[in-house]
Every structure is written in structure tokens, then in C-alpha cells.
N, C-alpha and C. Protein backbone atom coordinates (compact mmCIF):
# COMPACT_ATOMS: atom_id res chain seq x y z
N MET A 1 145.26 -32.91 -43.95
CA MET A 1 145.32 -32.91 -45.80
C MET A 1 144.97 -31.57 -46.21
N ALA A 2 144.16 -31.25 -45.92
CA ALA A 2 142.63 -30.34 -46.51
C ALA A 2 144.22 -28.75 -45.75
N GLU A 3 145.16 -28.95 -44.88
CA GLU A 3 145.56 -27.87 -44.79
C GLU A 3 146.73 -28.00 -45.69
N GLU A 4 146.94 -28.58 -46.71
CA GLU A 4 148.24 -29.11 -47.55
C GLU A 4 147.81 -28.33 -48.60
N LYS A 5 146.36 -28.88 -48.90
CA LYS A 5 145.55 -28.43 -50.12
C LYS A 5 145.42 -26.81 -50.50
N GLN A 6 145.38 -26.45 -48.86
CA GLN A 6 145.31 -24.62 -48.95
C GLN A 6 146.26 -24.46 -48.85
N LYS A 7 147.34 -24.63 -49.22
CA LYS A 7 148.44 -24.73 -49.07
C LYS A 7 149.30 -23.86 -50.61
N ASN A 8 148.37 -25.47 -51.74
CA ASN A 8 148.85 -25.47 -52.92
C ASN A 8 148.19 -24.83 -54.11
N GLN A 9 147.17 -23.67 -53.23
CA GLN A 9 145.94 -23.37 -54.27
C GLN A 9 146.48 -21.53 -54.04
N VAL A 10 146.11 -20.88 -55.18
CA VAL A 10 146.96 -19.99 -55.90
C VAL A 10 145.25 -18.87 -55.79
N ASN A 11 145.00 -18.07 -55.67
CA ASN A 11 143.70 -17.49 -55.58
C ASN A 11 144.58 -16.21 -57.26
N ILE A 12 143.35 -16.28 -58.30
CA ILE A 12 143.78 -15.54 -58.92
C ILE A 12 143.01 -14.94 -59.77
N GLU A 13 143.39 -13.55 -60.00
CA GLU A 13 142.45 -12.23 -60.03
C GLU A 13 142.32 -11.92 -61.78
N LEU A 14 141.71 -12.22 -62.55
CA LEU A 14 141.10 -11.74 -63.58
C LEU A 14 140.23 -10.56 -63.91
N PRO A 15 141.49 -9.46 -64.10
CA PRO A 15 140.56 -8.08 -64.42
C PRO A 15 139.46 -8.01 -65.69
N GLU A 16 138.04 -7.08 -65.17
CA GLU A 16 137.80 -7.04 -66.92
C GLU A 16 137.82 -7.13 -67.70
N ASP A 17 138.94 -5.87 -68.40
CA ASP A 17 139.54 -5.50 -68.88
C ASP A 17 140.23 -6.91 -69.90
N ILE A 18 141.10 -8.03 -68.78
CA ILE A 18 141.51 -8.66 -69.63
C ILE A 18 140.75 -9.33 -69.80
N ALA A 19 139.83 -9.79 -69.25
CA ALA A 19 139.01 -10.99 -68.91
C ALA A 19 137.80 -10.76 -70.76
N GLU A 20 138.09 -9.73 -71.02
CA GLU A 20 137.42 -9.90 -72.48
C GLU A 20 138.12 -10.42 -73.01
N GLY A 21 139.65 -10.68 -73.34
CA GLY A 21 140.59 -11.56 -74.46
C GLY A 21 140.69 -10.46 -75.73
N VAL A 22 141.67 -11.20 -76.15
CA VAL A 22 142.12 -9.81 -77.21
C VAL A 22 142.22 -11.21 -78.29
N TYR A 23 141.53 -11.03 -80.08
CA TYR A 23 141.80 -11.97 -80.66
C TYR A 23 143.04 -11.91 -81.63
N ALA A 24 143.13 -13.48 -81.82
CA ALA A 24 144.69 -13.24 -82.76
C ALA A 24 144.63 -13.78 -83.81
N ASN A 25 144.88 -14.22 -84.98
CA ASN A 25 144.68 -14.96 -85.85
C ASN A 25 146.23 -15.85 -86.16
N LEU A 26 147.60 -14.98 -85.71
CA LEU A 26 148.59 -15.77 -86.21
C LEU A 26 149.40 -14.95 -84.72
N ALA A 27 150.48 -16.19 -84.68
CA ALA A 27 151.20 -16.26 -83.72
C ALA A 27 152.36 -16.68 -84.33
N ILE A 28 153.55 -15.62 -83.45
CA ILE A 28 155.12 -15.86 -83.88
C ILE A 28 155.65 -16.22 -82.83
N ILE A 29 156.25 -17.28 -82.98
CA ILE A 29 157.21 -17.57 -82.09
C ILE A 29 158.58 -17.71 -81.90
N SER A 30 159.53 -17.11 -80.94
CA SER A 30 160.71 -17.03 -81.36
C SER A 30 161.48 -17.01 -79.89
N HIS A 31 162.66 -17.09 -79.75
CA HIS A 31 163.40 -18.00 -78.20
C HIS A 31 165.13 -17.10 -78.35
N SER A 32 165.58 -17.46 -77.46
CA SER A 32 167.39 -17.36 -76.90
C SER A 32 167.03 -18.61 -75.87
N GLN A 33 168.00 -18.40 -75.85
CA GLN A 33 168.92 -19.86 -74.36
C GLN A 33 167.50 -19.31 -73.04
N SER A 34 167.33 -18.38 -72.69
CA SER A 34 166.61 -18.32 -71.53
C SER A 34 165.24 -18.39 -71.91
N GLU A 35 164.48 -17.94 -72.96
CA GLU A 35 163.32 -17.60 -73.10
C GLU A 35 162.27 -18.08 -74.39
N PHE A 36 161.49 -17.70 -74.29
CA PHE A 36 160.37 -18.08 -75.65
C PHE A 36 159.64 -17.18 -75.32
N VAL A 37 159.66 -16.24 -76.61
CA VAL A 37 158.40 -14.99 -76.83
C VAL A 37 157.45 -15.04 -77.62
N VAL A 38 156.04 -15.01 -77.45
CA VAL A 38 155.08 -15.16 -78.33
C VAL A 38 154.43 -14.29 -78.73
N ASP A 39 154.30 -13.81 -80.36
CA ASP A 39 153.83 -12.65 -79.94
C ASP A 39 152.61 -13.18 -81.08
N PHE A 40 150.98 -12.40 -80.40
CA PHE A 40 150.05 -12.84 -80.82
C PHE A 40 149.21 -11.90 -82.15
N ILE A 41 149.34 -11.60 -83.03
CA ILE A 41 149.03 -11.15 -84.31
C ILE A 41 147.77 -11.39 -84.80
N ARG A 42 146.95 -9.32 -84.70
CA ARG A 42 145.74 -9.98 -85.88
C ARG A 42 145.60 -9.51 -87.45
N MET A 43 145.82 -10.22 -88.32
CA MET A 43 145.56 -9.81 -89.61
C MET A 43 144.35 -9.36 -89.69
N VAL A 44 144.53 -8.50 -90.31
CA VAL A 44 142.82 -7.67 -90.96
C VAL A 44 142.76 -8.38 -92.92
N PRO A 45 141.85 -8.33 -93.50
CA PRO A 45 141.56 -8.93 -94.77
C PRO A 45 142.24 -7.55 -95.19
N ASN A 46 142.76 -7.55 -96.86
CA ASN A 46 143.35 -6.74 -97.45
C ASN A 46 143.90 -5.78 -97.06
N VAL A 47 144.50 -6.01 -95.48
CA VAL A 47 145.38 -4.47 -95.29
C VAL A 47 146.67 -5.45 -95.29
N PRO A 48 148.33 -5.32 -95.55
CA PRO A 48 149.52 -5.41 -96.15
C PRO A 48 150.13 -5.41 -94.60
N LYS A 49 149.64 -4.51 -93.50
CA LYS A 49 150.23 -4.35 -92.44
C LYS A 49 149.42 -4.90 -91.06
N ALA A 50 150.08 -5.97 -90.45
CA ALA A 50 148.98 -6.59 -89.23
C ALA A 50 150.44 -5.57 -87.56
N LYS A 51 149.67 -5.99 -86.83
CA LYS A 51 149.50 -5.35 -85.18
C LYS A 51 149.98 -6.64 -84.58
N VAL A 52 151.21 -6.47 -83.70
CA VAL A 52 151.04 -7.30 -82.24
C VAL A 52 149.71 -7.11 -81.46
N LYS A 53 149.15 -7.37 -81.26
CA LYS A 53 148.04 -7.75 -80.40
C LYS A 53 148.55 -7.69 -79.03
N SER A 54 148.94 -8.70 -78.55
CA SER A 54 149.88 -9.41 -76.91
C SER A 54 150.92 -9.78 -77.19
N ARG A 55 151.81 -9.58 -76.24
CA ARG A 55 153.19 -10.53 -76.44
C ARG A 55 153.51 -10.80 -75.53
N VAL A 56 153.76 -12.60 -75.11
CA VAL A 56 153.66 -13.01 -73.73
C VAL A 56 154.97 -13.62 -73.95
N ILE A 57 155.97 -13.54 -73.09
CA ILE A 57 157.86 -14.14 -72.66
C ILE A 57 157.59 -15.85 -71.84
N LEU A 58 157.63 -15.97 -71.72
CA LEU A 58 157.72 -17.76 -70.95
C LEU A 58 159.50 -18.38 -71.06
N SER A 59 159.06 -18.57 -69.68
CA SER A 59 160.71 -19.70 -69.86
C SER A 59 160.52 -20.72 -70.55
N PRO A 60 161.98 -21.52 -70.63
CA PRO A 60 161.82 -21.89 -71.35
C PRO A 60 160.34 -23.66 -70.87
N GLY A 61 160.60 -23.82 -69.38
CA GLY A 61 160.38 -25.08 -68.36
C GLY A 61 158.69 -24.50 -69.22
N HIS A 62 158.02 -23.07 -68.54
CA HIS A 62 156.92 -23.13 -68.46
C HIS A 62 156.25 -23.48 -69.83
N ALA A 63 157.09 -22.94 -70.96
CA ALA A 63 156.67 -23.23 -71.98
C ALA A 63 156.41 -24.26 -73.04
N LYS A 64 157.17 -25.36 -72.04
CA LYS A 64 156.81 -26.67 -71.84
C LYS A 64 155.49 -27.42 -71.90
N ARG A 65 155.14 -26.71 -70.62
CA ARG A 65 154.37 -27.05 -69.59
C ARG A 65 152.87 -26.57 -70.61
N LEU A 66 153.23 -25.34 -71.37
CA LEU A 66 152.33 -25.07 -71.85
C LEU A 66 151.74 -25.76 -73.05
N HIS A 67 153.13 -26.24 -73.41
CA HIS A 67 152.89 -27.10 -75.17
C HIS A 67 152.20 -28.47 -74.59
N GLN A 68 152.16 -28.77 -73.54
CA GLN A 68 151.46 -29.93 -72.56
C GLN A 68 150.72 -29.75 -72.42
N ALA A 69 149.69 -28.78 -71.83
CA ALA A 69 149.06 -28.63 -71.48
C ALA A 69 147.87 -28.45 -72.92
N LEU A 70 148.59 -27.27 -73.78
CA LEU A 70 147.40 -26.91 -74.87
C LEU A 70 147.40 -28.35 -76.36
N THR A 71 148.30 -29.92 -75.78
CA THR A 71 147.87 -30.48 -76.23
C THR A 71 147.32 -31.56 -76.03
N GLU A 72 146.81 -31.53 -74.18
CA GLU A 72 145.70 -32.20 -73.65
C GLU A 72 144.54 -31.92 -74.08
N ASN A 73 144.21 -30.53 -73.71
CA ASN A 73 143.09 -29.53 -74.28
C ASN A 73 142.76 -29.98 -75.88
N ILE A 74 143.75 -29.52 -76.61
CA ILE A 74 143.03 -30.30 -77.92
C ILE A 74 142.90 -31.87 -77.78
N LYS A 75 143.57 -32.38 -77.47
CA LYS A 75 142.75 -34.16 -77.59
C LYS A 75 141.28 -34.31 -76.80
N LYS A 76 141.29 -33.08 -75.84
CA LYS A 76 139.85 -33.41 -75.36
C LYS A 76 138.89 -32.53 -76.38
N PHE A 77 138.99 -31.35 -76.55
CA PHE A 77 138.33 -30.84 -78.23
C PHE A 77 137.92 -31.59 -78.55
N GLU A 78 139.06 -32.38 -79.58
CA GLU A 78 138.72 -33.30 -80.44
C GLU A 78 137.66 -34.85 -80.23
N ALA A 79 138.04 -35.04 -79.38
CA ALA A 79 137.10 -36.43 -78.83
C ALA A 79 135.96 -35.67 -78.55
N GLN A 80 135.93 -34.16 -78.09
CA GLN A 80 134.55 -33.96 -78.27
C GLN A 80 134.00 -33.80 -79.38
N HIS A 81 134.25 -32.49 -79.89
CA HIS A 81 134.08 -32.14 -81.42
C HIS A 81 134.56 -32.83 -82.76
N GLY A 82 134.68 -33.13 -82.59
CA GLY A 82 135.57 -34.29 -83.91
C GLY A 82 137.03 -33.41 -84.16
N PRO A 83 138.05 -34.14 -85.09
CA PRO A 83 138.91 -33.40 -85.36
C PRO A 83 139.32 -31.27 -85.34
N ILE A 84 139.85 -31.13 -85.83
CA ILE A 84 140.16 -29.95 -86.16
C ILE A 84 141.13 -29.78 -87.47
N LYS A 85 140.27 -29.41 -88.27
CA LYS A 85 140.88 -29.22 -89.32
C LYS A 85 142.16 -28.09 -89.48
N THR A 86 142.72 -28.16 -90.25
CA THR A 86 144.40 -27.72 -90.99
C THR A 86 144.85 -27.49 -92.08
N ASP A 87 145.40 -26.46 -92.59
CA ASP A 87 145.91 -26.92 -94.05
C ASP A 87 147.38 -26.95 -94.18
N SER A 88 148.01 -27.82 -93.77
CA SER A 88 149.22 -27.98 -93.08
C SER A 88 150.29 -27.58 -94.38
N LYS A 89 149.84 -26.84 -95.62
CA LYS A 89 150.54 -25.86 -96.53
C LYS A 89 150.42 -24.22 -96.18
N GLN A 90 149.61 -24.66 -95.48
CA GLN A 90 149.01 -23.00 -95.47
C GLN A 90 149.86 -22.48 -94.01
N HIS A 91 150.75 -21.58 -94.19
CA HIS A 91 151.28 -21.47 -92.64
C HIS A 91 150.73 -19.72 -92.12
N MET A 92 150.32 -19.43 -92.91
CA MET A 92 149.47 -17.83 -92.87
C MET A 92 148.12 -18.30 -93.02
N PRO A 93 147.30 -16.58 -92.42
CA PRO A 93 145.92 -16.82 -92.76
C PRO A 93 146.14 -16.08 -93.91
N PRO A 94 145.24 -16.31 -94.73
CA PRO A 94 144.80 -15.77 -96.26
C PRO A 94 144.98 -14.27 -96.01
N MET A 95 145.54 -14.09 -97.33
CA MET A 95 145.69 -11.64 -96.82
C MET A 95 144.31 -11.07 -97.44
N ASN A 96 143.38 -12.19 -98.12
CA ASN A 96 142.64 -11.25 -98.69
C ASN A 96 141.35 -12.58 -98.10
N PHE A 97 140.90 -12.05 -97.21
CA PHE A 97 139.18 -12.81 -96.85
C PHE A 97 138.46 -12.92 -97.74
N THR A 98 137.46 -13.16 -98.77
CA THR A 98 136.41 -13.56 -99.70
C THR A 98 135.11 -13.01 -98.97
N PRO A 99 134.83 -12.05 -99.01
CA PRO A 99 133.60 -11.29 -98.86
C PRO A 99 132.49 -12.76 -98.81
N THR A 100 131.42 -12.25 -97.77
CA THR A 100 130.30 -13.24 -98.18
C THR A 100 129.20 -12.70 -98.91
N ALA A 101 129.44 -11.58 -98.24
CA ALA A 101 127.75 -10.47 -98.45
C ALA A 101 128.17 -8.86 -98.46
N GLN A 102 126.82 -8.22 -98.36
CA GLN A 102 127.39 -6.94 -98.72
C GLN A 102 126.15 -6.40 -98.15
N ALA A 103 126.50 -4.93 -97.79
CA ALA A 103 126.17 -3.79 -97.55
C ALA A 103 125.88 -3.30 -97.17
């Protein structure tokens, strides 16, 4: 049994530059018959141009497994921290963030 578990384990390396992550406040998803493409974008206040910071290409099967994993993790998060508030009318972040302080 222990030998069988070892066969199913995968060692995953997380390089330091990737471990830092990339902040995105918008994702655009497109698909073809054979793949899903997720572009993660960072929009900056009062700047009309946004940049794609990362692109992830997934097979349809993997996209569905990712959807299921996100759904499960969101349920766990909300059970611990309460409902995540979203504005169903707003599909994109506001282009002009209101400043809260001056320097």
C-alpha cells in the first residue's frame, strides 16, 4: 500500500520567482474546441491600458477540474470567513479607484 502511494506522488518544485506570484484583478477566458486560455490582467487606476501579466492554457478536462477545485475552495473559504461579496452588475473593476489618502 505504501509503495502504491509513492507511485502516485509527484514532487513539485516551486522556484522563488514563481512563488512570489503575480497580482491580477481581472481575468479574461476564451476557448477553442481543444483548449481554454485564461489571461490574468492587472488594471491600474486611471490608466486606460491594462497589461496581461500571465497566460495559462488548459485542456478542457483540466479546466473543468480547476473549476471544481475553485468551487470547493470557495465553499471552504466562505464557511470559515463568511460570504464573499461580489457586485453582480459589475463585470470589470472600476477604472478610477478613489484615493483614500494623500502623501
